[in-house]
Each structure stands twice: as structure tokens, then as C-alpha cells.
Protein backbone atom coordinates (compact mmCIF):
# COMPACT_ATOMS: atom_id res chain seq x y z
CA MET A 1 -52.93 184.42 119.42
CA THR A 2 -55.69 186.12 121.38
CA ALA A 3 -56.36 185.28 125.02
CA MET A 4 -59.73 183.81 124.07
CA THR A 5 -58.14 181.59 121.41
CA ARG A 6 -55.48 180.43 123.86
CA ARG A 7 -58.07 179.61 126.51
CA ALA A 8 -60.06 177.70 123.91
CA ALA A 9 -57.00 175.69 122.88
CA LEU A 10 -56.15 174.83 126.48
CA GLY A 11 -59.75 174.03 127.24
CA ALA A 12 -59.88 171.61 124.33
CA ALA A 13 -56.69 169.93 125.51
CA LEU A 14 -57.99 169.53 129.06
CA ALA A 15 -61.32 168.30 127.80
CA GLY A 16 -59.47 165.62 125.87
CA MET A 17 -57.64 164.63 129.04
CA ALA A 18 -60.84 164.45 131.06
CA ALA A 19 -62.45 162.32 128.38
CA GLY A 20 -59.48 159.95 128.44
CA GLN A 21 -58.87 159.85 124.70
CA GLY A 22 -56.79 156.94 123.48
CA ALA A 23 -56.23 153.40 124.57
CA ARG A 24 -56.14 151.53 127.85
CA ALA A 25 -54.28 148.45 128.96
CA GLN A 26 -55.81 146.20 131.60
CA GLY A 27 -56.14 148.06 134.92
CA GLN A 28 -55.11 146.72 138.29
CA THR A 29 -56.91 147.27 141.56
CA GLN A 30 -55.38 148.86 144.61
CA GLY A 31 -57.23 148.41 147.88
CA GLN A 32 -60.89 149.18 147.33
CA GLY A 33 -60.31 151.25 144.17
CA GLN A 34 -58.44 151.13 140.91
CA ALA A 35 -54.90 152.50 140.66
CA ALA A 36 -54.55 155.78 138.79
CA PRO A 37 -53.76 155.14 135.13
CA LEU A 38 -50.42 155.95 133.60
CA ARG A 39 -51.05 159.01 131.45
CA ILE A 40 -49.14 159.82 128.27
CA GLY A 41 -49.89 163.05 126.40
CA VAL A 42 -49.03 163.32 122.71
CA LEU A 43 -48.21 167.00 122.12
CA THR A 44 -47.83 167.53 118.40
CA ASP A 45 -48.71 169.57 115.32
CA MET A 46 -52.27 168.57 114.47
CA SER A 47 -53.07 171.41 112.07
CA GLY A 48 -49.90 173.10 110.82
CA PRO A 49 -46.99 172.49 108.43
CA TYR A 50 -45.77 169.35 110.24
CA ARG A 51 -49.17 167.68 110.59
CA ASP A 52 -48.49 165.02 107.96
CA ILE A 53 -45.02 164.09 109.20
CA SER A 54 -46.12 163.85 112.83
CA GLY A 55 -49.61 164.84 113.98
CA PRO A 56 -52.52 162.36 114.10
CA ASN A 57 -50.44 159.41 112.96
CA CYS A 58 -48.09 159.87 115.92
CA VAL A 59 -51.18 159.31 118.07
CA VAL A 60 -51.98 156.20 116.01
CA ALA A 61 -48.42 154.93 116.45
CA ALA A 62 -48.46 155.52 120.21
CA ARG A 63 -51.79 153.72 120.46
CA GLN A 64 -50.28 150.78 118.57
CA ALA A 65 -47.39 150.72 121.06
CA ILE A 66 -49.87 150.44 123.94
CA GLN A 67 -51.66 147.63 122.13
CA ASP A 68 -48.42 145.76 121.36
CA PHE A 69 -47.24 146.20 124.95
CA GLY A 70 -50.29 144.21 126.04
CA GLN A 71 -51.93 143.76 129.41
CA ALA A 72 -49.38 144.51 132.09
CA GLY A 73 -51.46 145.05 135.21
CA PHE A 74 -51.84 148.81 134.90
CA ALA A 75 -54.05 151.10 132.87
CA VAL A 76 -52.63 153.45 130.24
CA GLU A 77 -54.41 156.59 129.08
CA LEU A 78 -53.37 158.35 125.89
CA LEU A 79 -54.12 162.06 125.41
CA GLN A 80 -53.50 164.42 122.52
CA ALA A 81 -53.19 168.16 121.91
CA ASP A 82 -52.07 170.60 119.23
CA HIS A 83 -49.20 172.94 120.14
CA GLN A 84 -49.85 174.99 116.95
CA ASN A 85 -46.08 175.54 116.62
CA LYS A 86 -46.38 178.29 119.24
CA ALA A 87 -44.14 178.07 122.28
CA ASP A 88 -46.61 179.71 124.67
CA VAL A 89 -49.41 177.37 123.63
CA GLY A 90 -47.22 174.26 123.83
CA VAL A 91 -45.68 175.10 127.20
CA ASN A 92 -49.05 176.05 128.71
CA ILE A 93 -50.59 172.75 127.60
CA ALA A 94 -47.60 170.84 128.97
CA ARG A 95 -47.78 172.65 132.30
CA GLN A 96 -51.53 172.04 132.59
CA TRP A 97 -51.06 168.38 131.72
CA PHE A 98 -48.31 167.83 134.27
CA ASP A 99 -50.29 169.65 136.95
CA GLN A 100 -53.35 167.53 136.16
CA GLY A 101 -51.49 164.22 136.48
CA VAL A 102 -50.03 163.45 133.07
CA ASP A 103 -46.87 161.40 133.64
CA ALA A 104 -45.10 161.73 130.29
CA ILE A 105 -45.32 163.96 127.24
CA LEU A 106 -44.52 162.30 123.92
CA GLU A 107 -43.50 163.67 120.51
CA VAL A 108 -43.22 167.54 120.64
CA ASN A 109 -42.00 167.95 117.08
CA ASN A 110 -41.08 171.64 117.33
CA SER A 111 -37.55 172.10 118.68
CA ALA A 112 -38.18 175.40 120.46
CA ILE A 113 -41.21 173.95 122.26
CA ALA A 114 -39.34 170.70 122.96
CA LEU A 115 -36.49 172.50 124.72
CA ALA A 116 -39.00 174.34 126.93
CA VAL A 117 -40.99 171.18 127.70
CA SER A 118 -37.75 169.39 128.57
CA ASN A 119 -36.99 172.03 131.21
CA LEU A 120 -40.54 171.83 132.51
CA ALA A 121 -40.38 168.04 132.83
CA ARG A 122 -37.26 168.38 134.95
CA GLU A 123 -38.90 171.04 137.13
CA LYS A 124 -41.99 168.86 137.68
CA ASN A 125 -40.06 165.55 137.85
CA LYS A 126 -42.06 164.18 134.92
CA VAL A 127 -40.94 162.54 131.66
CA HIS A 128 -40.34 164.08 128.25
CA LEU A 129 -40.35 161.39 125.57
CA ASN A 130 -39.15 163.36 122.57
CA SER A 131 -39.69 161.53 119.30
CA GLY A 132 -40.21 164.49 116.98
CA ALA A 133 -37.91 167.49 117.48
CA ALA A 134 -34.74 167.41 115.41
CA SER A 135 -32.46 169.82 117.28
CA SER A 136 -29.34 168.09 118.58
CA ASP A 137 -29.31 170.68 121.40
CA LEU A 138 -31.76 168.38 123.21
CA THR A 139 -28.82 166.14 124.11
CA GLY A 140 -26.35 169.03 124.15
CA PRO A 141 -26.75 172.37 125.94
CA GLY A 142 -30.48 171.72 126.45
CA CYS A 143 -30.22 168.18 127.79
CA SER A 144 -32.23 167.06 130.82
CA PRO A 145 -32.08 163.93 133.02
CA ASN A 146 -35.89 163.73 132.62
CA MET A 147 -35.80 163.58 128.82
CA VAL A 148 -34.98 160.95 126.21
CA HIS A 149 -34.44 161.87 122.57
CA TRP A 150 -35.61 159.27 120.05
CA THR A 151 -35.58 161.55 116.99
CA THR A 152 -33.00 161.11 114.28
CA ASP A 153 -31.70 164.59 115.06
CA ALA A 154 -30.02 167.26 112.96
CA TRP A 155 -26.53 165.88 113.68
CA ALA A 156 -27.57 162.38 112.60
CA ASN A 157 -29.44 163.53 109.50
CA ALA A 158 -26.43 165.54 108.38
CA GLN A 159 -24.16 162.58 109.08
CA SER A 160 -26.40 160.14 107.19
CA THR A 161 -27.30 162.39 104.25
CA GLY A 162 -24.44 164.86 103.90
CA GLY A 163 -21.63 162.42 104.62
CA PRO A 164 -22.27 159.85 101.85
CA LEU A 165 -23.11 162.53 99.27
CA ALA A 166 -20.00 164.58 100.04
CA ARG A 167 -17.80 161.49 99.96
CA ALA A 168 -19.33 160.62 96.57
CA GLY A 169 -18.15 163.94 95.13
CA ALA A 170 -20.78 166.52 96.07
CA LYS A 171 -18.42 169.19 97.44
CA ARG A 172 -20.30 172.47 96.88
CA TRP A 173 -23.42 172.96 99.02
CA TYR A 174 -26.01 175.71 99.45
CA CYS A 175 -28.46 175.79 102.38
CA ILE A 176 -32.05 177.08 102.40
CA THR A 177 -32.88 177.43 106.08
CA ALA A 178 -35.99 178.02 108.22
CA ASP A 179 -35.32 180.86 110.65
CA TYR A 180 -35.79 179.17 114.04
CA ALA A 181 -33.87 176.86 116.37
CA PHE A 182 -34.40 173.72 114.30
CA GLY A 183 -33.41 175.24 110.96
CA HIS A 184 -30.25 176.83 112.29
CA SER A 185 -29.30 173.58 114.03
CA VAL A 186 -29.67 171.67 110.75
CA GLN A 187 -27.56 174.17 108.80
CA ARG A 188 -24.85 174.06 111.46
CA GLU A 189 -24.67 170.27 111.22
CA VAL A 190 -24.70 170.21 107.41
CA THR A 191 -21.78 172.65 107.40
CA ARG A 192 -19.87 170.48 109.86
CA VAL A 193 -20.28 167.28 107.83
CA VAL A 194 -19.58 168.84 104.43
CA ARG A 195 -16.38 170.50 105.68
CA ALA A 196 -15.25 167.28 107.37
CA ASN A 197 -15.54 165.53 104.01
CA GLY A 198 -13.54 168.10 102.05
CA GLY A 199 -16.44 170.24 100.83
CA GLU A 200 -17.76 173.74 101.48
CA VAL A 201 -21.07 175.52 102.00
CA VAL A 202 -20.91 178.25 99.36
CA GLY A 203 -23.90 180.19 100.63
CA SER A 204 -27.24 180.12 102.44
CA SER A 205 -30.65 181.78 102.49
CA VAL A 206 -32.52 182.12 105.78
CA TYR A 207 -36.26 182.71 105.47
CA PRO A 208 -39.03 183.67 107.93
CA PHE A 209 -40.86 180.65 109.39
CA PRO A 210 -43.71 179.71 109.12
CA GLN A 211 -45.06 182.49 106.89
CA THR A 212 -42.90 181.87 103.78
CA THR A 213 -44.45 180.01 100.82
CA ASP A 214 -42.54 181.40 97.82
CA PHE A 215 -38.96 180.10 97.72
CA SER A 216 -38.21 181.11 94.13
CA SER A 217 -35.77 183.91 94.98
CA PHE A 218 -33.78 181.61 97.28
CA LEU A 219 -33.62 178.88 94.64
CA VAL A 220 -32.49 181.34 91.96
CA THR A 221 -29.77 182.67 94.25
CA ALA A 222 -28.65 179.14 95.07
CA ALA A 223 -28.60 177.98 91.43
CA ALA A 224 -26.50 180.97 90.40
CA LEU A 225 -23.67 179.70 92.61
CA LYS A 226 -23.72 176.31 90.83
CA PRO A 227 -23.70 174.07 93.92
CA ASP A 228 -23.59 170.30 93.66
CA VAL A 229 -26.34 170.06 96.29
CA ILE A 230 -29.02 172.36 97.65
CA ALA A 231 -29.62 171.32 101.26
CA LEU A 232 -33.14 172.04 102.50
CA CYS A 233 -32.78 172.85 106.20
CA ASN A 234 -36.51 172.77 106.81
CA ALA A 235 -39.30 170.20 106.83
CA GLY A 236 -42.93 169.53 106.03
CA VAL A 237 -44.81 171.90 103.73
CA ASP A 238 -41.78 174.20 103.38
CA MET A 239 -39.56 171.38 102.16
CA ILE A 240 -42.26 170.19 99.74
CA ASN A 241 -42.69 173.68 98.30
CA CYS A 242 -38.93 173.99 97.84
CA VAL A 243 -38.75 170.71 95.93
CA LYS A 244 -41.73 171.60 93.73
CA GLN A 245 -40.37 175.01 92.88
CA GLY A 246 -36.88 173.59 92.33
CA GLN A 247 -38.31 171.10 89.86
CA GLU A 248 -40.06 173.95 88.02
CA PHE A 249 -36.71 175.75 87.76
CA GLY A 250 -35.09 172.64 86.28
CA LEU A 251 -32.48 172.02 88.98
CA ALA A 252 -32.03 168.41 87.87
CA GLY A 253 -31.26 169.60 84.33
CA ARG A 254 -28.53 171.80 85.79
CA ARG A 255 -27.11 168.77 87.60
CA ILE A 256 -27.97 170.23 91.00
CA ARG A 257 -29.10 167.62 93.50
CA VAL A 258 -31.65 168.40 96.19
CA ALA A 259 -31.24 166.90 99.66
CA ALA A 260 -34.04 167.14 102.21
CA MET A 261 -32.12 167.23 105.45
CA ILE A 262 -35.38 166.35 107.22
CA GLY A 263 -37.52 164.41 104.76
CA PHE A 264 -40.03 161.57 104.92
CA ILE A 265 -41.85 159.04 102.80
CA VAL A 266 -45.11 160.97 103.10
CA ASP A 267 -43.36 163.99 101.57
CA VAL A 268 -42.32 161.91 98.57
CA ARG A 269 -45.87 160.57 98.29
CA THR A 270 -47.25 164.13 98.39
CA LEU A 271 -44.78 165.31 95.76
CA GLY A 272 -45.23 162.31 93.47
CA LEU A 273 -42.27 160.50 91.93
CA PRO A 274 -42.18 162.61 88.74
CA THR A 275 -41.41 165.62 90.94
CA ALA A 276 -39.48 163.91 93.75
CA GLU A 277 -37.29 161.62 91.64
CA GLY A 278 -33.70 161.73 92.87
CA LEU A 279 -34.50 163.54 96.13
CA SER A 280 -32.08 162.42 98.87
CA LEU A 281 -33.35 161.95 102.43
CA THR A 282 -32.68 160.00 105.62
CA GLU A 283 -35.22 157.91 107.52
CA SER A 284 -34.63 155.69 110.54
CA TYR A 285 -37.65 153.57 109.53
CA TYR A 286 -39.03 152.52 106.15
CA TRP A 287 -42.00 150.19 105.93
CA ASP A 288 -40.35 147.88 103.37
CA LEU A 289 -36.82 147.88 104.80
CA ASP A 290 -36.89 144.39 106.39
CA ASP A 291 -39.21 141.73 107.83
CA ARG A 292 -39.72 143.56 111.13
CA SER A 293 -40.64 146.87 109.51
CA ARG A 294 -43.07 145.05 107.24
CA ALA A 295 -44.63 143.34 110.27
CA LEU A 296 -45.25 146.69 111.99
CA ALA A 297 -46.69 148.12 108.78
CA ALA A 298 -49.06 145.16 108.59
CA ARG A 299 -50.33 145.77 112.15
CA LEU A 300 -50.94 149.43 111.34
CA LYS A 301 -52.77 148.73 108.09
CA GLY A 302 -56.19 150.35 108.12
CA LYS A 303 -55.44 152.38 111.26
CA THR A 304 -53.46 155.35 109.98
CA VAL A 305 -55.07 158.59 108.85
CA ASN A 306 -55.60 158.49 105.07
CA GLY A 307 -54.08 155.00 104.95
CA VAL A 308 -50.51 156.26 104.81
CA GLN A 309 -47.39 154.27 105.64
CA ILE A 310 -45.88 155.80 108.76
CA ASN A 311 -42.56 157.60 108.55
CA SER A 312 -39.63 157.63 110.96
CA VAL A 313 -41.08 160.35 113.24
CA GLN A 314 -44.21 158.28 113.77
CA ALA A 315 -42.20 155.07 114.08
CA GLN A 316 -40.02 156.78 116.69
CA ALA A 317 -43.16 157.72 118.65
CA TYR A 318 -44.12 154.03 118.59
CA SER A 319 -40.67 152.87 119.67
CA CYS A 320 -40.29 155.50 122.41
CA ALA A 321 -43.75 154.90 123.90
CA LEU A 322 -43.21 151.13 123.89
CA HIS A 323 -39.86 151.39 125.66
CA TYR A 324 -41.29 153.78 128.25
CA LEU A 325 -44.02 151.25 129.04
CA LYS A 326 -41.40 148.52 129.44
CA ALA A 327 -39.47 150.74 131.86
CA VAL A 328 -42.63 151.49 133.86
CA GLN A 329 -43.33 147.77 134.09
CA ALA A 330 -39.75 147.13 135.25
CA ILE A 331 -39.86 149.56 138.19
CA GLY A 332 -43.59 149.48 138.83
CA PRO A 333 -46.16 152.12 137.88
CA ALA A 334 -46.27 153.66 141.38
CA ARG A 335 -42.55 154.46 141.31
CA ALA A 336 -42.73 155.63 137.70
CA LYS A 337 -45.58 158.01 138.49
CA ALA A 338 -43.85 159.30 141.61
CA SER A 339 -40.57 160.07 139.82
CA GLY A 340 -40.10 160.78 136.15
CA LEU A 341 -36.36 160.70 136.76
CA GLU A 342 -36.54 157.09 137.94
CA ALA A 343 -38.57 156.15 134.88
CA VAL A 344 -36.00 157.71 132.53
CA GLU A 345 -33.14 156.04 134.38
CA ALA A 346 -34.92 152.70 133.88
CA MET A 347 -35.23 153.45 130.15
CA LYS A 348 -31.47 153.96 130.03
CA ARG A 349 -30.75 150.70 131.84
CA LEU A 350 -32.95 148.54 129.61
CA PRO A 351 -31.83 147.66 126.08
CA THR A 352 -34.27 148.73 123.38
CA ASP A 353 -35.75 146.41 120.78
CA ASP A 354 -38.85 146.77 118.61
CA ASP A 355 -40.12 146.29 115.07
CA ALA A 356 -39.69 149.96 114.19
CA LEU A 357 -36.00 150.51 114.91
CA GLY A 358 -34.66 147.10 115.95
CA PRO A 359 -32.20 146.67 118.85
CA GLY A 360 -30.47 149.62 120.44
CA LEU A 361 -29.93 151.53 123.68
CA VAL A 362 -30.48 154.86 125.41
CA ARG A 363 -27.27 156.68 126.28
CA ALA A 364 -26.56 158.54 129.53
CA ASP A 365 -27.42 161.90 127.94
CA GLY A 366 -30.82 160.55 126.85
CA ARG A 367 -29.79 159.95 123.24
CA LYS A 368 -31.45 156.88 121.68
CA LEU A 369 -29.01 155.08 119.38
CA HIS A 370 -30.16 153.27 116.23
CA PRO A 371 -28.99 152.98 112.61
CA THR A 372 -29.98 155.61 110.05
CA HIS A 373 -30.65 154.98 106.38
CA LEU A 374 -30.07 157.18 103.34
CA PHE A 375 -32.72 156.81 100.64
CA GLU A 376 -33.36 158.27 97.22
CA ALA A 377 -36.79 158.81 95.71
CA LYS A 378 -37.33 156.29 92.92
CA ALA A 379 -37.98 157.01 89.29
CA PRO A 380 -41.66 156.42 88.44
CA ALA A 381 -40.81 153.35 86.36
CA GLU A 382 -39.06 151.73 89.36
CA SER A 383 -42.10 151.84 91.64
CA ARG A 384 -44.21 148.69 92.09
CA GLY A 385 -47.03 150.29 94.07
CA PRO A 386 -48.37 153.46 95.70
CA TRP A 387 -45.96 153.31 98.67
CA ASP A 388 -42.98 151.75 96.89
CA LEU A 389 -41.25 155.12 96.77
CA LEU A 390 -37.72 154.89 98.16
CA LYS A 391 -34.59 152.95 97.29
CA HIS A 392 -31.97 152.30 99.92
CA VAL A 393 -28.60 153.93 99.29
CA ALA A 394 -26.57 153.56 102.49
CA THR A 395 -26.83 152.74 106.21
CA THR A 396 -24.95 154.52 108.96
CA PRO A 397 -24.47 152.18 111.96
CA ALA A 398 -25.87 153.22 115.34
CA ASP A 399 -22.42 153.82 116.84
CA GLN A 400 -21.58 156.27 114.03
CA ALA A 401 -24.97 157.85 113.37
CA PHE A 402 -25.18 160.17 116.37
CA ARG A 403 -22.90 162.77 117.91
CA PRO A 404 -20.47 161.28 120.47
CA VAL A 405 -21.59 162.02 124.01
CA ALA A 406 -18.30 163.75 124.81
CA GLU A 407 -18.94 166.33 122.08
CA GLY A 408 -22.46 167.26 123.17
CA GLY A 409 -21.69 169.30 126.26
CA CYS A 410 -24.66 167.95 128.21
CA PRO A 411 -24.59 169.96 131.50
CA PHE A 412 -26.04 167.37 133.87
CA LEU A 413 -23.36 164.82 132.89
CA LYS A 414 -20.68 167.29 133.98
CA GLY A 415 -22.12 167.78 137.45
């Protein structure tokens, strides 16, 4: 990225902050003037390969959380910026935001950027509300007392997807992996789960990210080894391209299953059921899972970009933002703004409960605990409507879905 382009990106982000994009709750007065608003910045992929699974609809979900939180005596300002999946851009925006008075940064769906923002939040005593990055390192070696991790991470996705499939007889696995922190983390966790259930990873292909679009050579190599499952250790456009090209190669006819280790309803919608049929994936939220998920979907109707049903990343942004606001209310906005650490500690003390993920809690290492759900893309004949795309296969309870805290190696818990 050129210096001029970087300055333009940062300028746009700061302009958005100055304009106060987003939603406000009722403000309270302090002395002769109004108290400074609580500022939440949504730092996400607005234009790249993860735009549809996070991006603008994470902003919509966060705005809905502010609306559902209601009038609590303090103003809330929601900002947004595009990290472009570039660490220098993302960290520079985060630093500028924190220096300009943003209290919490939400989402950050790129694991490399998320780990850097987590360190920055600790340095500045701000809050990192991560609802998008899937690396389990965020509650392991890269954990921070100023960060909470709402994302169904790589460990949990492997547990929820790989575990049931391996126990059902899928013993030979092949991984196609994006070459950055997130992809390697996913492959590591898939290998762990498959081996624990008596299987093996018979091979893997690691490809350059984000410049790869042709996955045919990787799929041919994988198919030649006759695996039971090809595990896609990627997400977004890359995962979609893998599924499309795998369908063209007739993987289903060879009795090779495809598992998206990070997959979402919008991906299935993009693929279409004739192409996606049988695809395995885990989501922590599905709009038609139960009465509460249907109620949230009803409140979001007409608000999302392109009228989509939100996926678990966007639902996690809703849930995380809502719980942060509850914690701020509990300790008071002045204390929350003065110390991000105090705000995160309050989030850990309060039980969680919302229409996206139901009841749960935030663990000492910042890990949010909730159930995860394995789904399979329906056959076209099974679908009753444009978003009736997934059938529920299995649920992993919250106390089994995430890596035990003792196995994470979170440094600040040791000290």
C-alpha cells in the first residue's frame, strides 16, 4: 500500500469518527455540559474476501445491540473502518482511534490484526471486543486482560465439526489451508481433533493468501489420496471457490465430504444448494434455530445489507456489544472509559444472556462460552424458502465446545 493510500484510509476512518457514524443512546448531562459518549469502533473487512461474513452487517448487528440495550443514561457512538486485511492499516486505525477517544474496538475478523490490536488495547488500557477472529491464540499465547473473545474459534470449530464427523467414521482427512495465522491455527486444531478420535490427516496443501483463486491443483492432490473429508482451513471467498471447484471435480461422486472449518449461512446462500448440498459447517447462531434466534432475525429484518440473514460472526458482534454495554452500565460509564481493564473485568463477572447466543459466561482468560452447532447444507428439495438452507446435525455444549482454560497457556493468568 502506498503512503498516500494509507493516509487516505486513515483519513476516511477519522472522518467517520468525527462524523459520529452509527447510533446513539440517550445522553446524560454532567455539570453544564454533556458527558462524553461511549465510543465503539467496528474494525472489519468492508471490501475484501471476508466482507460478506463480517463487514457491513457486523455494523448493523452492533447498531441493533445499541438499540436493544435501550436508553441507559449515557450516549453511545458507533464508528466503522476497513482494515483491508493489512496489519499496518488495521493497527494504525486502532491506534488513531484509541488516541482520539474510542473506548472499545469490536470485531477485527483477521487473526493477525486481532492479535496486534489486543496488545495495543492492553498498552492503552482500552477494550478489544473480538467477535470475528478465529485464532484460538487469542485466549492462548496471545491473550490479554483487556480482550474478550466471542468468536467460535478454531479450536471450537474443529471440536464441533471434526469431532462428530470423525466419530461417525470419517477417519482420513486432507487440509487445504490459507497461509497465515488463522489458517495454520485451524489446521492445527483439525489435526488435534481427528487424531483424538482415531483418525489421521493424510496430507495438506498450504496456499498463498489472499492472492490465490485457483484451487484445482490442491483439490486434485487431495482427491488422489482418497480422504473421507477435505477440510477447508480458510473462509469467505476462498472457501466458496474451493467448494465450487470441488463440485466441478465431482468430489461427492467420489464419496469425499467437504467440511468448511469456518463456514456460514451466507456462504451456502452464495453457493446455492445444488452446489453446497452436503457441506458441513459449524455456526454458533442460526436464524431458525429456536424462538430467540427467530426473534432477533425479526428485529433485523429490513436492516441488513442485501436483506441477508446474519451469520454467527455478525450475531457474535451483536452479543459482544450488548454485553459490553451492560458491563459499562454496571460500573458506570466514567469508570469504563477511564479503564478498559475494569470494563472487561465487569464483563467477566456478569453472566451473559441474549437472543443471539442464549445464556453463557466469560471465562477468566476472556473466552466467551456458548454452545456450538454442526449443520449440513440441505438438498434443494428440502428447502422451504430462500434462507431455509441448513439442517441441524449436532450440538456441542458450552462446557465442551471450547478449549479448557488450563490448556491455553494464557500468560496473564500465570502471573
